[in-house]
Amino acid sequence: EYFGLGAHEEITRRQPVKAAKRGYYLIEEAGVTLPDFFSDSVRYMTTK
């Protein structure tokens, strides 16, 4: 998912999904990437 945030801003999105199969589903980690503005390198962090 792609976001653009200004100073002191919060963005909330609601993603519709379909539960196709019985089970217990857990998302344990997410990653955030910020590209360098003048090169191909990126900055990366993970969140629990």
ModelCIF file with pLDDT and N, C-alpha, C, O atoms, coordinates in Angstrom:
data_MODEL
#
_entry.id   MODEL 
#
_entity.id                         1 
_entity.type                       polymer 
_entity.pdbx_number_of_molecules   1 
#
_entity_poly.entity_id                      1 
_entity_poly.type                           'polypeptide(L)' 
_entity_poly.nstd_linkage                   no 
_entity_poly.nstd_monomer                   no 
_entity_poly.pdbx_seq_one_letter_code       EYFGLGAHEEITRRQPVKAAKRGYYLIEEAGVTLPDFFSDSVRYMTTK 
_entity_poly.pdbx_seq_one_letter_code_can   EYFGLGAHEEITRRQPVKAAKRGYYLIEEAGVTLPDFFSDSVRYMTTK 
_entity_poly.pdbx_strand_id                 A 
#
loop_
_entity_poly_seq.entity_id 
_entity_poly_seq.num 
_entity_poly_seq.mon_id 
_entity_poly_seq.hetero 
1 1  GLU n 
1 2  TYR n 
1 3  PHE n 
1 4  GLY n 
1 5  LEU n 
1 6  GLY n 
1 7  ALA n 
1 8  HIS n 
1 9  GLU n 
1 10 GLU n 
1 11 ILE n 
1 12 THR n 
1 13 ARG n 
1 14 ARG n 
1 15 GLN n 
1 16 PRO n 
1 17 VAL n 
1 18 LYS n 
1 19 ALA n 
1 20 ALA n 
1 21 LYS n 
1 22 ARG n 
1 23 GLY n 
1 24 TYR n 
1 25 TYR n 
1 26 LEU n 
1 27 ILE n 
1 28 GLU n 
1 29 GLU n 
1 30 ALA n 
1 31 GLY n 
1 32 VAL n 
1 33 THR n 
1 34 LEU n 
1 35 PRO n 
1 36 ASP n 
1 37 PHE n 
1 38 PHE n 
1 39 SER n 
1 40 ASP n 
1 41 SER n 
1 42 VAL n 
1 43 ARG n 
1 44 TYR n 
1 45 MET n 
1 46 THR n 
1 47 THR n 
1 48 LYS n 
#
_struct_asym.id          A 
_struct_asym.entity_id   1 
#
loop_
_ma_qa_metric.id 
_ma_qa_metric.mode 
_ma_qa_metric.name 
_ma_qa_metric.software_group_id 
_ma_qa_metric.type 
1 global pLDDT . pLDDT 
2 local  pLDDT . pLDDT 
#
_ma_qa_metric_global.metric_id      1 
_ma_qa_metric_global.metric_value   91.19 
_ma_qa_metric_global.model_id       1 
_ma_qa_metric_global.ordinal_id     1 
#
loop_
_ma_qa_metric_local.label_asym_id 
_ma_qa_metric_local.label_comp_id 
_ma_qa_metric_local.label_seq_id 
_ma_qa_metric_local.metric_id 
_ma_qa_metric_local.metric_value 
_ma_qa_metric_local.model_id 
_ma_qa_metric_local.ordinal_id 
A GLU 1  2 90.00 1 1  
A TYR 2  2 92.00 1 2  
A PHE 3  2 94.00 1 3  
A GLY 4  2 93.00 1 4  
A LEU 5  2 94.00 1 5  
A GLY 6  2 93.00 1 6  
A ALA 7  2 94.00 1 7  
A HIS 8  2 94.00 1 8  
A GLU 9  2 96.00 1 9  
A GLU 10 2 96.00 1 10 
A ILE 11 2 97.00 1 11 
A THR 12 2 97.00 1 12 
A ARG 13 2 95.00 1 13 
A ARG 14 2 94.00 1 14 
A GLN 15 2 91.00 1 15 
A PRO 16 2 93.00 1 16 
A VAL 17 2 94.00 1 17 
A LYS 18 2 94.00 1 18 
A ALA 19 2 95.00 1 19 
A ALA 20 2 94.00 1 20 
A LYS 21 2 94.00 1 21 
A ARG 22 2 96.00 1 22 
A GLY 23 2 96.00 1 23 
A TYR 24 2 96.00 1 24 
A TYR 25 2 96.00 1 25 
A LEU 26 2 95.00 1 26 
A ILE 27 2 95.00 1 27 
A GLU 28 2 95.00 1 28 
A GLU 29 2 96.00 1 29 
A ALA 30 2 96.00 1 30 
A GLY 31 2 96.00 1 31 
A VAL 32 2 96.00 1 32 
A THR 33 2 94.00 1 33 
A LEU 34 2 91.00 1 34 
A PRO 35 2 87.00 1 35 
A ASP 36 2 78.00 1 36 
A PHE 37 2 69.00 1 37 
A PHE 38 2 65.00 1 38 
A SER 39 2 66.00 1 39 
A ASP 40 2 72.00 1 40 
A SER 41 2 79.00 1 41 
A VAL 42 2 85.00 1 42 
A ARG 43 2 89.00 1 43 
A TYR 44 2 93.00 1 44 
A MET 45 2 94.00 1 45 
A THR 46 2 95.00 1 46 
A THR 47 2 96.00 1 47 
A LYS 48 2 97.00 1 48 
#
loop_
_atom_site.group_PDB 
_atom_site.id 
_atom_site.type_symbol 
_atom_site.label_atom_id 
_atom_site.label_alt_id 
_atom_site.label_comp_id 
_atom_site.label_asym_id 
_atom_site.label_entity_id 
_atom_site.label_seq_id 
_atom_site.pdbx_PDB_ins_code 
_atom_site.Cartn_x 
_atom_site.Cartn_y 
_atom_site.Cartn_z 
_atom_site.occupancy 
_atom_site.B_iso_or_equiv 
_atom_site.pdbx_formal_charge 
_atom_site.auth_seq_id 
_atom_site.auth_comp_id 
_atom_site.auth_asym_id 
_atom_site.auth_atom_id 
_atom_site.pdbx_PDB_model_num 
ATOM 1   N N  . GLU A 1 1  ? 0.865   -1.189  0.000  1.00 90.00 ? 1  GLU A N  1 
ATOM 2   C CA . GLU A 1 1  ? 0.000   0.000   0.000  1.00 90.00 ? 1  GLU A CA 1 
ATOM 3   C C  . GLU A 1 1  ? 0.901   1.238   0.000  1.00 90.00 ? 1  GLU A C  1 
ATOM 4   O O  . GLU A 1 1  ? 1.969   1.242   0.612  1.00 90.00 ? 1  GLU A O  1 
ATOM 5   N N  . TYR A 1 2  ? 0.452   2.289   -0.696 1.00 92.00 ? 2  TYR A N  1 
ATOM 6   C CA . TYR A 1 2  ? 1.270   3.500   -0.842 1.00 92.00 ? 2  TYR A CA 1 
ATOM 7   C C  . TYR A 1 2  ? 0.592   4.669   -0.140 1.00 92.00 ? 2  TYR A C  1 
ATOM 8   O O  . TYR A 1 2  ? -0.609  4.892   -0.292 1.00 92.00 ? 2  TYR A O  1 
ATOM 9   N N  . PHE A 1 3  ? 1.384   5.411   0.632  1.00 94.00 ? 3  PHE A N  1 
ATOM 10  C CA . PHE A 1 3  ? 0.886   6.538   1.410  1.00 94.00 ? 3  PHE A CA 1 
ATOM 11  C C  . PHE A 1 3  ? 1.768   7.758   1.187  1.00 94.00 ? 3  PHE A C  1 
ATOM 12  O O  . PHE A 1 3  ? 2.966   7.640   0.928  1.00 94.00 ? 3  PHE A O  1 
ATOM 13  N N  . GLY A 1 4  ? 1.159   8.921   1.291  1.00 93.00 ? 4  GLY A N  1 
ATOM 14  C CA . GLY A 1 4  ? 1.897   10.184  1.332  1.00 93.00 ? 4  GLY A CA 1 
ATOM 15  C C  . GLY A 1 4  ? 1.379   10.996  2.506  1.00 93.00 ? 4  GLY A C  1 
ATOM 16  O O  . GLY A 1 4  ? 0.208   11.374  2.530  1.00 93.00 ? 4  GLY A O  1 
ATOM 17  N N  . LEU A 1 5  ? 2.243   11.269  3.485  1.00 94.00 ? 5  LEU A N  1 
ATOM 18  C CA . LEU A 1 5  ? 1.806   11.938  4.706  1.00 94.00 ? 5  LEU A CA 1 
ATOM 19  C C  . LEU A 1 5  ? 2.522   13.267  4.882  1.00 94.00 ? 5  LEU A C  1 
ATOM 20  O O  . LEU A 1 5  ? 3.739   13.362  4.718  1.00 94.00 ? 5  LEU A O  1 
ATOM 21  N N  . GLY A 1 6  ? 1.748   14.289  5.218  1.00 93.00 ? 6  GLY A N  1 
ATOM 22  C CA . GLY A 1 6  ? 2.330   15.561  5.586  1.00 93.00 ? 6  GLY A CA 1 
ATOM 23  C C  . GLY A 1 6  ? 2.701   15.583  7.052  1.00 93.00 ? 6  GLY A C  1 
ATOM 24  O O  . GLY A 1 6  ? 2.646   14.556  7.729  1.00 93.00 ? 6  GLY A O  1 
ATOM 25  N N  . ALA A 1 7  ? 3.080   16.755  7.547  1.00 94.00 ? 7  ALA A N  1 
ATOM 26  C CA . ALA A 1 7  ? 3.444   16.899  8.951  1.00 94.00 ? 7  ALA A CA 1 
ATOM 27  C C  . ALA A 1 7  ? 2.223   16.661  9.832  1.00 94.00 ? 7  ALA A C  1 
ATOM 28  O O  . ALA A 1 7  ? 1.134   17.163  9.550  1.00 94.00 ? 7  ALA A O  1 
ATOM 29  N N  . HIS A 1 8  ? 2.414   15.893  10.896 1.00 94.00 ? 8  HIS A N  1 
ATOM 30  C CA . HIS A 1 8  ? 1.353   15.601  11.872 1.00 94.00 ? 8  HIS A CA 1 
ATOM 31  C C  . HIS A 1 8  ? 0.056   15.149  11.185 1.00 94.00 ? 8  HIS A C  1 
ATOM 32  O O  . HIS A 1 8  ? -1.016  15.701  11.429 1.00 94.00 ? 8  HIS A O  1 
ATOM 33  N N  . GLU A 1 9  ? 0.178   14.151  10.338 1.00 96.00 ? 9  GLU A N  1 
ATOM 34  C CA . GLU A 1 9  ? -0.982  13.646  9.615  1.00 96.00 ? 9  GLU A CA 1 
ATOM 35  C C  . GLU A 1 9  ? -1.165  12.155  9.871  1.00 96.00 ? 9  GLU A C  1 
ATOM 36  O O  . GLU A 1 9  ? -0.199  11.412  10.047 1.00 96.00 ? 9  GLU A O  1 
ATOM 37  N N  . GLU A 1 10 ? -2.425  11.737  9.888  1.00 96.00 ? 10 GLU A N  1 
ATOM 38  C CA . GLU A 1 10 ? -2.771  10.327  10.038 1.00 96.00 ? 10 GLU A CA 1 
ATOM 39  C C  . GLU A 1 10 ? -3.723  9.925   8.916  1.00 96.00 ? 10 GLU A C  1 
ATOM 40  O O  . GLU A 1 10 ? -4.690  10.628  8.625  1.00 96.00 ? 10 GLU A O  1 
ATOM 41  N N  . ILE A 1 11 ? -3.436  8.790   8.294  1.00 97.00 ? 11 ILE A N  1 
ATOM 42  C CA . ILE A 1 11 ? -4.275  8.271   7.212  1.00 97.00 ? 11 ILE A CA 1 
ATOM 43  C C  . ILE A 1 11 ? -4.779  6.884   7.599  1.00 97.00 ? 11 ILE A C  1 
ATOM 44  O O  . ILE A 1 11 ? -4.002  6.024   8.015  1.00 97.00 ? 11 ILE A O  1 
ATOM 45  N N  . THR A 1 12 ? -6.080  6.676   7.458  1.00 97.00 ? 12 THR A N  1 
ATOM 46  C CA . THR A 1 12 ? -6.697  5.379   7.740  1.00 97.00 ? 12 THR A CA 1 
ATOM 47  C C  . THR A 1 12 ? -7.412  4.876   6.489  1.00 97.00 ? 12 THR A C  1 
ATOM 48  O O  . THR A 1 12 ? -8.208  5.595   5.884  1.00 97.00 ? 12 THR A O  1 
ATOM 49  N N  . ARG A 1 13 ? -7.120  3.644   6.113  1.00 95.00 ? 13 ARG A N  1 
ATOM 50  C CA . ARG A 1 13 ? -7.789  3.018   4.980  1.00 95.00 ? 13 ARG A CA 1 
ATOM 51  C C  . ARG A 1 13 ? -8.443  1.721   5.421  1.00 95.00 ? 13 ARG A C  1 
ATOM 52  O O  . ARG A 1 13 ? -7.913  0.995   6.262  1.00 95.00 ? 13 ARG A O  1 
ATOM 53  N N  . ARG A 1 14 ? -9.590  1.443   4.847  1.00 94.00 ? 14 ARG A N  1 
ATOM 54  C CA . ARG A 1 14 ? -10.317 0.211   5.137  1.00 94.00 ? 14 ARG A CA 1 
ATOM 55  C C  . ARG A 1 14 ? -10.280 -0.682  3.898  1.00 94.00 ? 14 ARG A C  1 
ATOM 56  O O  . ARG A 1 14 ? -10.820 -0.344  2.845  1.00 94.00 ? 14 ARG A O  1 
ATOM 57  N N  . GLN A 1 15 ? -9.644  -1.804  4.055  1.00 91.00 ? 15 GLN A N  1 
ATOM 58  C CA . GLN A 1 15 ? -9.434  -2.721  2.940  1.00 91.00 ? 15 GLN A CA 1 
ATOM 59  C C  . GLN A 1 15 ? -10.440 -3.864  3.024  1.00 91.00 ? 15 GLN A C  1 
ATOM 60  O O  . GLN A 1 15 ? -10.362 -4.659  3.961  1.00 91.00 ? 15 GLN A O  1 
ATOM 61  N N  . PRO A 1 16 ? -11.380 -3.981  2.088  1.00 93.00 ? 16 PRO A N  1 
ATOM 62  C CA . PRO A 1 16 ? -12.315 -5.110  2.120  1.00 93.00 ? 16 PRO A CA 1 
ATOM 63  C C  . PRO A 1 16 ? -11.607 -6.413  1.759  1.00 93.00 ? 16 PRO A C  1 
ATOM 64  O O  . PRO A 1 16 ? -10.835 -6.469  0.802  1.00 93.00 ? 16 PRO A O  1 
ATOM 65  N N  . VAL A 1 17 ? -11.879 -7.447  2.528  1.00 94.00 ? 17 VAL A N  1 
ATOM 66  C CA . VAL A 1 17 ? -11.297 -8.764  2.268  1.00 94.00 ? 17 VAL A CA 1 
ATOM 67  C C  . VAL A 1 17 ? -12.405 -9.806  2.354  1.00 94.00 ? 17 VAL A C  1 
ATOM 68  O O  . VAL A 1 17 ? -13.492 -9.531  2.863  1.00 94.00 ? 17 VAL A O  1 
ATOM 69  N N  . LYS A 1 18 ? -12.120 -10.995 1.856  1.00 94.00 ? 18 LYS A N  1 
ATOM 70  C CA . LYS A 1 18 ? -13.069 -12.106 1.944  1.00 94.00 ? 18 LYS A CA 1 
ATOM 71  C C  . LYS A 1 18 ? -12.396 -13.275 2.641  1.00 94.00 ? 18 LYS A C  1 
ATOM 72  O O  . LYS A 1 18 ? -11.287 -13.670 2.280  1.00 94.00 ? 18 LYS A O  1 
ATOM 73  N N  . ALA A 1 19 ? -13.073 -13.828 3.643  1.00 95.00 ? 19 ALA A N  1 
ATOM 74  C CA . ALA A 1 19 ? -12.551 -14.986 4.370  1.00 95.00 ? 19 ALA A CA 1 
ATOM 75  C C  . ALA A 1 19 ? -12.970 -16.245 3.625  1.00 95.00 ? 19 ALA A C  1 
ATOM 76  O O  . ALA A 1 19 ? -14.076 -16.750 3.820  1.00 95.00 ? 19 ALA A O  1 
ATOM 77  N N  . ALA A 1 20 ? -12.096 -16.744 2.780  1.00 94.00 ? 20 ALA A N  1 
ATOM 78  C CA . ALA A 1 20 ? -12.461 -17.848 1.890  1.00 94.00 ? 20 ALA A CA 1 
ATOM 79  C C  . ALA A 1 20 ? -12.420 -19.204 2.574  1.00 94.00 ? 20 ALA A C  1 
ATOM 80  O O  . ALA A 1 20 ? -13.040 -20.154 2.096  1.00 94.00 ? 20 ALA A O  1 
ATOM 81  N N  . LYS A 1 21 ? -11.693 -19.311 3.696  1.00 94.00 ? 21 LYS A N  1 
ATOM 82  C CA . LYS A 1 21 ? -11.502 -20.628 4.306  1.00 94.00 ? 21 LYS A CA 1 
ATOM 83  C C  . LYS A 1 21 ? -11.447 -20.507 5.817  1.00 94.00 ? 21 LYS A C  1 
ATOM 84  O O  . LYS A 1 21 ? -10.951 -19.519 6.359  1.00 94.00 ? 21 LYS A O  1 
ATOM 85  N N  . ARG A 1 22 ? -11.968 -21.538 6.495  1.00 96.00 ? 22 ARG A N  1 
ATOM 86  C CA . ARG A 1 22 ? -11.927 -21.586 7.951  1.00 96.00 ? 22 ARG A CA 1 
ATOM 87  C C  . ARG A 1 22 ? -10.480 -21.517 8.459  1.00 96.00 ? 22 ARG A C  1 
ATOM 88  O O  . ARG A 1 22 ? -9.572  -22.063 7.831  1.00 96.00 ? 22 ARG A O  1 
ATOM 89  N N  . GLY A 1 23 ? -10.273 -20.851 9.587  1.00 96.00 ? 23 GLY A N  1 
ATOM 90  C CA . GLY A 1 23 ? -8.942  -20.807 10.156 1.00 96.00 ? 23 GLY A CA 1 
ATOM 91  C C  . GLY A 1 23 ? -8.745  -19.626 11.083 1.00 96.00 ? 23 GLY A C  1 
ATOM 92  O O  . GLY A 1 23 ? -9.651  -18.822 11.303 1.00 96.00 ? 23 GLY A O  1 
ATOM 93  N N  . TYR A 1 24 ? -7.533  -19.543 11.624 1.00 96.00 ? 24 TYR A N  1 
ATOM 94  C CA . TYR A 1 24 ? -7.129  -18.441 12.497 1.00 96.00 ? 24 TYR A CA 1 
ATOM 95  C C  . TYR A 1 24 ? -5.990  -17.727 11.790 1.00 96.00 ? 24 TYR A C  1 
ATOM 96  O O  . TYR A 1 24 ? -4.926  -18.303 11.569 1.00 96.00 ? 24 TYR A O  1 
ATOM 97  N N  . TYR A 1 25 ? -6.221  -16.465 11.437 1.00 96.00 ? 25 TYR A N  1 
ATOM 98  C CA . TYR A 1 25 ? -5.265  -15.732 10.616 1.00 96.00 ? 25 TYR A CA 1 
ATOM 99  C C  . TYR A 1 25 ? -4.703  -14.550 11.395 1.00 96.00 ? 25 TYR A C  1 
ATOM 100 O O  . TYR A 1 25 ? -5.438  -13.780 12.014 1.00 96.00 ? 25 TYR A O  1 
ATOM 101 N N  . LEU A 1 26 ? -3.382  -14.431 11.348 1.00 95.00 ? 26 LEU A N  1 
ATOM 102 C CA . LEU A 1 26 ? -2.687  -13.421 12.145 1.00 95.00 ? 26 LEU A CA 1 
ATOM 103 C C  . LEU A 1 26 ? -1.636  -12.715 11.292 1.00 95.00 ? 26 LEU A C  1 
ATOM 104 O O  . LEU A 1 26 ? -0.796  -13.361 10.665 1.00 95.00 ? 26 LEU A O  1 
ATOM 105 N N  . ILE A 1 27 ? -1.692  -11.382 11.275 1.00 95.00 ? 27 ILE A N  1 
ATOM 106 C CA . ILE A 1 27 ? -0.644  -10.568 10.653 1.00 95.00 ? 27 ILE A CA 1 
ATOM 107 C C  . ILE A 1 27 ? 0.256   -10.085 11.775 1.00 95.00 ? 27 ILE A C  1 
ATOM 108 O O  . ILE A 1 27 ? -0.163  -9.273  12.599 1.00 95.00 ? 27 ILE A O  1 
ATOM 109 N N  . GLU A 1 28 ? 1.482   -10.571 11.816 1.00 95.00 ? 28 GLU A N  1 
ATOM 110 C CA . GLU A 1 28 ? 2.371   -10.313 12.945 1.00 95.00 ? 28 GLU A CA 1 
ATOM 111 C C  . GLU A 1 28 ? 3.381   -9.201  12.691 1.00 95.00 ? 28 GLU A C  1 
ATOM 112 O O  . GLU A 1 28 ? 3.993   -8.693  13.631 1.00 95.00 ? 28 GLU A O  1 
ATOM 113 N N  . GLU A 1 29 ? 3.563   -8.817  11.419 1.00 96.00 ? 29 GLU A N  1 
ATOM 114 C CA . GLU A 1 29 ? 4.615   -7.839  11.121 1.00 96.00 ? 29 GLU A CA 1 
ATOM 115 C C  . GLU A 1 29 ? 4.248   -7.049  9.875  1.00 96.00 ? 29 GLU A C  1 
ATOM 116 O O  . GLU A 1 29 ? 3.628   -7.576  8.950  1.00 96.00 ? 29 GLU A O  1 
ATOM 117 N N  . ALA A 1 30 ? 4.634   -5.793  9.862  1.00 96.00 ? 30 ALA A N  1 
ATOM 118 C CA . ALA A 1 30 ? 4.472   -4.938  8.683  1.00 96.00 ? 30 ALA A CA 1 
ATOM 119 C C  . ALA A 1 30 ? 5.775   -4.191  8.449  1.00 96.00 ? 30 ALA A C  1 
ATOM 120 O O  . ALA A 1 30 ? 6.512   -3.900  9.391  1.00 96.00 ? 30 ALA A O  1 
ATOM 121 N N  . GLY A 1 31 ? 6.051   -3.886  7.191  1.00 96.00 ? 31 GLY A N  1 
ATOM 122 C CA . GLY A 1 31 ? 7.256   -3.130  6.851  1.00 96.00 ? 31 GLY A CA 1 
ATOM 123 C C  . GLY A 1 31 ? 6.897   -1.791  6.235  1.00 96.00 ? 31 GLY A C  1 
ATOM 124 O O  . GLY A 1 31 ? 5.884   -1.665  5.546  1.00 96.00 ? 31 GLY A O  1 
ATOM 125 N N  . VAL A 1 32 ? 7.738   -0.783  6.487  1.00 96.00 ? 32 VAL A N  1 
ATOM 126 C CA . VAL A 1 32 ? 7.549   0.554   5.916  1.00 96.00 ? 32 VAL A CA 1 
ATOM 127 C C  . VAL A 1 32 ? 8.831   0.944   5.182  1.00 96.00 ? 32 VAL A C  1 
ATOM 128 O O  . VAL A 1 32 ? 9.933   0.835   5.720  1.00 96.00 ? 32 VAL A O  1 
ATOM 129 N N  . THR A 1 33 ? 8.662   1.399   3.942  1.00 94.00 ? 33 THR A N  1 
ATOM 130 C CA . THR A 1 33 ? 9.808   1.784   3.113  1.00 94.00 ? 33 THR A CA 1 
ATOM 131 C C  . THR A 1 33 ? 9.686   3.241   2.705  1.00 94.00 ? 33 THR A C  1 
ATOM 132 O O  . THR A 1 33 ? 8.630   3.682   2.253  1.00 94.00 ? 33 THR A O  1 
ATOM 133 N N  . LEU A 1 34 ? 10.789  3.997   2.869  1.00 91.00 ? 34 LEU A N  1 
ATOM 134 C CA . LEU A 1 34 ? 10.869  5.385   2.410  1.00 91.00 ? 34 LEU A CA 1 
ATOM 135 C C  . LEU A 1 34 ? 12.010  5.484   1.405  1.00 91.00 ? 34 LEU A C  1 
ATOM 136 O O  . LEU A 1 34 ? 13.155  5.215   1.768  1.00 91.00 ? 34 LEU A O  1 
ATOM 137 N N  . PRO A 1 35 ? 11.744  5.858   0.159  1.00 87.00 ? 35 PRO A N  1 
ATOM 138 C CA . PRO A 1 35 ? 12.822  5.941   -0.838 1.00 87.00 ? 35 PRO A CA 1 
ATOM 139 C C  . PRO A 1 35 ? 13.698  7.171   -0.621 1.00 87.00 ? 35 PRO A C  1 
ATOM 140 O O  . PRO A 1 35 ? 13.248  8.190   -0.098 1.00 87.00 ? 35 PRO A O  1 
ATOM 141 N N  . ASP A 1 36 ? 14.945  7.052   -1.031 1.00 78.00 ? 36 ASP A N  1 
ATOM 142 C CA . ASP A 1 36 ? 15.828  8.215   -1.074 1.00 78.00 ? 36 ASP A CA 1 
ATOM 143 C C  . ASP A 1 36 ? 15.397  9.092   -2.259 1.00 78.00 ? 36 ASP A C  1 
ATOM 144 O O  . ASP A 1 36 ? 15.101  8.587   -3.341 1.00 78.00 ? 36 ASP A O  1 
ATOM 145 N N  . PHE A 1 37 ? 15.365  10.408  -2.037 1.00 69.00 ? 37 PHE A N  1 
ATOM 146 C CA . PHE A 1 37 ? 14.835  11.301  -3.070 1.00 69.00 ? 37 PHE A CA 1 
ATOM 147 C C  . PHE A 1 37 ? 15.787  11.490  -4.246 1.00 69.00 ? 37 PHE A C  1 
ATOM 148 O O  . PHE A 1 37 ? 15.350  11.893  -5.324 1.00 69.00 ? 37 PHE A O  1 
ATOM 149 N N  . PHE A 1 38 ? 17.079  11.207  -4.065 1.00 65.00 ? 38 PHE A N  1 
ATOM 150 C CA . PHE A 1 38 ? 18.053  11.494  -5.116 1.00 65.00 ? 38 PHE A CA 1 
ATOM 151 C C  . PHE A 1 38 ? 18.857  10.265  -5.543 1.00 65.00 ? 38 PHE A C  1 
ATOM 152 O O  . PHE A 1 38 ? 19.845  10.393  -6.265 1.00 65.00 ? 38 PHE A O  1 
ATOM 153 N N  . SER A 1 39 ? 18.432  9.055   -5.093 1.00 66.00 ? 39 SER A N  1 
ATOM 154 C CA . SER A 1 39 ? 19.149  7.839   -5.487 1.00 66.00 ? 39 SER A CA 1 
ATOM 155 C C  . SER A 1 39 ? 18.168  6.666   -5.457 1.00 66.00 ? 39 SER A C  1 
ATOM 156 O O  . SER A 1 39 ? 16.990  6.832   -5.140 1.00 66.00 ? 39 SER A O  1 
ATOM 157 N N  . ASP A 1 40 ? 18.675  5.483   -5.791 1.00 72.00 ? 40 ASP A N  1 
ATOM 158 C CA . ASP A 1 40 ? 17.845  4.283   -5.811 1.00 72.00 ? 40 ASP A CA 1 
ATOM 159 C C  . ASP A 1 40 ? 17.767  3.593   -4.453 1.00 72.00 ? 40 ASP A C  1 
ATOM 160 O O  . ASP A 1 40 ? 17.052  2.600   -4.324 1.00 72.00 ? 40 ASP A O  1 
ATOM 161 N N  . SER A 1 41 ? 18.463  4.072   -3.456 1.00 79.00 ? 41 SER A N  1 
ATOM 162 C CA . SER A 1 41 ? 18.456  3.431   -2.140 1.00 79.00 ? 41 SER A CA 1 
ATOM 163 C C  . SER A 1 41 ? 17.143  3.719   -1.408 1.00 79.00 ? 41 SER A C  1 
ATOM 164 O O  . SER A 1 41 ? 16.437  4.676   -1.725 1.00 79.00 ? 41 SER A O  1 
ATOM 165 N N  . VAL A 1 42 ? 16.835  2.881   -0.435 1.00 85.00 ? 42 VAL A N  1 
ATOM 166 C CA . VAL A 1 42 ? 15.607  3.036   0.353  1.00 85.00 ? 42 VAL A CA 1 
ATOM 167 C C  . VAL A 1 42 ? 15.925  2.886   1.843  1.00 85.00 ? 42 VAL A C  1 
ATOM 168 O O  . VAL A 1 42 ? 16.927  2.286   2.231  1.00 85.00 ? 42 VAL A O  1 
ATOM 169 N N  . ARG A 1 43 ? 15.044  3.448   2.652  1.00 89.00 ? 43 ARG A N  1 
ATOM 170 C CA . ARG A 1 43 ? 15.109  3.265   4.103  1.00 89.00 ? 43 ARG A CA 1 
ATOM 171 C C  . ARG A 1 43 ? 13.960  2.335   4.498  1.00 89.00 ? 43 ARG A C  1 
ATOM 172 O O  . ARG A 1 43 ? 12.858  2.432   3.959  1.00 89.00 ? 43 ARG A O  1 
ATOM 173 N N  . TYR A 1 44 ? 14.229  1.431   5.447  1.00 93.00 ? 44 TYR A N  1 
ATOM 174 C CA . TYR A 1 44 ? 13.249  0.394   5.757  1.00 93.00 ? 44 TYR A CA 1 
ATOM 175 C C  . TYR A 1 44 ? 13.160  0.176   7.262  1.00 93.00 ? 44 TYR A C  1 
ATOM 176 O O  . TYR A 1 44 ? 14.172  0.200   7.964  1.00 93.00 ? 44 TYR A O  1 
ATOM 177 N N  . MET A 1 45 ? 11.948  -0.034  7.747  1.00 94.00 ? 45 MET A N  1 
ATOM 178 C CA . MET A 1 45 ? 11.743  -0.387  9.150  1.00 94.00 ? 45 MET A CA 1 
ATOM 179 C C  . MET A 1 45 ? 10.603  -1.399  9.246  1.00 94.00 ? 45 MET A C  1 
ATOM 180 O O  . MET A 1 45 ? 9.731   -1.438  8.379  1.00 94.00 ? 45 MET A O  1 
ATOM 181 N N  . THR A 1 46 ? 10.610  -2.218  10.299 1.00 95.00 ? 46 THR A N  1 
ATOM 182 C CA . THR A 1 46 ? 9.539   -3.183  10.540 1.00 95.00 ? 46 THR A CA 1 
ATOM 183 C C  . THR A 1 46 ? 8.814   -2.830  11.833 1.00 95.00 ? 46 THR A C  1 
ATOM 184 O O  . THR A 1 46 ? 9.405   -2.271  12.757 1.00 95.00 ? 46 THR A O  1 
ATOM 185 N N  . THR A 1 47 ? 7.544   -3.159  11.887 1.00 96.00 ? 47 THR A N  1 
ATOM 186 C CA . THR A 1 47 ? 6.739   -2.921  13.089 1.00 96.00 ? 47 THR A CA 1 
ATOM 187 C C  . THR A 1 47 ? 5.984   -4.189  13.439 1.00 96.00 ? 47 THR A C  1 
ATOM 188 O O  . THR A 1 47 ? 5.485   -4.886  12.555 1.00 96.00 ? 47 THR A O  1 
ATOM 189 N N  . LYS A 1 48 ? 5.898   -4.489  14.727 1.00 97.00 ? 48 LYS A N  1 
ATOM 190 C CA . LYS A 1 48 ? 5.144   -5.645  15.193 1.00 97.00 ? 48 LYS A CA 1 
ATOM 191 C C  . LYS A 1 48 ? 3.644   -5.351  15.107 1.00 97.00 ? 48 LYS A C  1 
ATOM 192 O O  . LYS A 1 48 ? 2.827   -6.203  15.456 1.00 97.00 ? 48 LYS A O  1 
#
